[in-house]
Amino acid sequence: MRGMMDVLYKIGDRLVIADYKTDQVTMTDLPAKAEKYRYQKAVYAEAVKRCVKIDNPEFKLIFLRVGRAISILLLYDFF
């Protein structure tokens, strides 16, 4: 995988990794499209965990064309 985090920000005590997406997607297809980025979430979250020394960063995909953000939950670890 090759990529770069678009933004990393903090809200209260939560650290959020956000990645902008410009995919053509409908509101109906949004959950399935977001699921395709689960591995990207795992890689980015692991990088933040190692660099910032926190356990559970949040990960959001921001789909620009439909103006929606969706969080991806990590159900299993890749590392």
Foldseek 3Di string as FASTA:
>chain_A
DDDDFPDWDDDDNAIETEHEDADDDDPVCVVVVVVVCLVVVQVVQVVCCVPVVDDDHWYWYQHVVVGDIDTDDHPDHPD
